[in-house]
């Protein structure tokens, strides 16, 4: 049985009165979801809660992840008709499901998923999702450059969301991949990515030994950079087949250089010197 470690943190931020984000972290089911609600108090948090609850239920009923997200759209629309929440409420969503060897990410809106792959130079960060947003559409058509995206005045306008009354069905995008040893997937609401650049996210993941350390550090960065929105993030490790002594030591020993291969060499040399010292003392 594969062992999957994950970490989750959420915060209302420094300028919002309530937290409209919702999430579920279910390693035993291989399912993680973040929903970023919209519509204000008594609306956004209702919509996002409906989204994560519906996806969990639909996956237990063995619907595909994309179909479960589609069903959450209908659930939000039905809730408004029944007087739950408020008219105009909606949510973005990003979800990860995994088997022992493969993963799928599905999303609607501008909540994101990233893949972190460690390597000899530290690691690489790849954005798996493509925002359903106005500025992403401008970027795709060549109307603006990559450098214009972060400062564009309309960067927070999304082109579709769960609960939109303009469409009967939303377009759910999905990507699939095969796990490599040591990889992490980061799911996050835009409260993180609006405050912290991809470069700073990558640096933080490179310097973190565990997902718990990384989640705490990323949340601190987002708050230190303004915390203007609700912030939620989930970090999920590639499945491990079993708890090995090496895996335990990797989680327990502190990071010295920020690079696992360098740390392994340092600790290996230190252990060898200790063994030689013990042998010398024993011989004396």
Foldseek 3Di string as FASTA:
>chain_A
DWDKDKDKDWDQFDADPDALKDWDDDVVQQKIKIKHKDDDPQFSNQLNVLQRVQQVVVVVVVDDSQVSNFVSLVVLQVCQVVVHGHPPMFIWMWMWGDDQWKIKIKIAAAWWKWKWDQDQVQIDIGTPDQGQAPVSVCCVVVVDDPVCQLPPPRNRGGPDTRNDPVDSTDDMDMDMDTDDAWMKMKTKDVLQPNQDPPVRLSLLVLQDLDNNSSNVVSVVSSNVSGRNGMIIMMMMHNIDPDDDPVNVCSNPDHDDPSHVVVVVVVVVVVVVVVVVVVVVVVVD
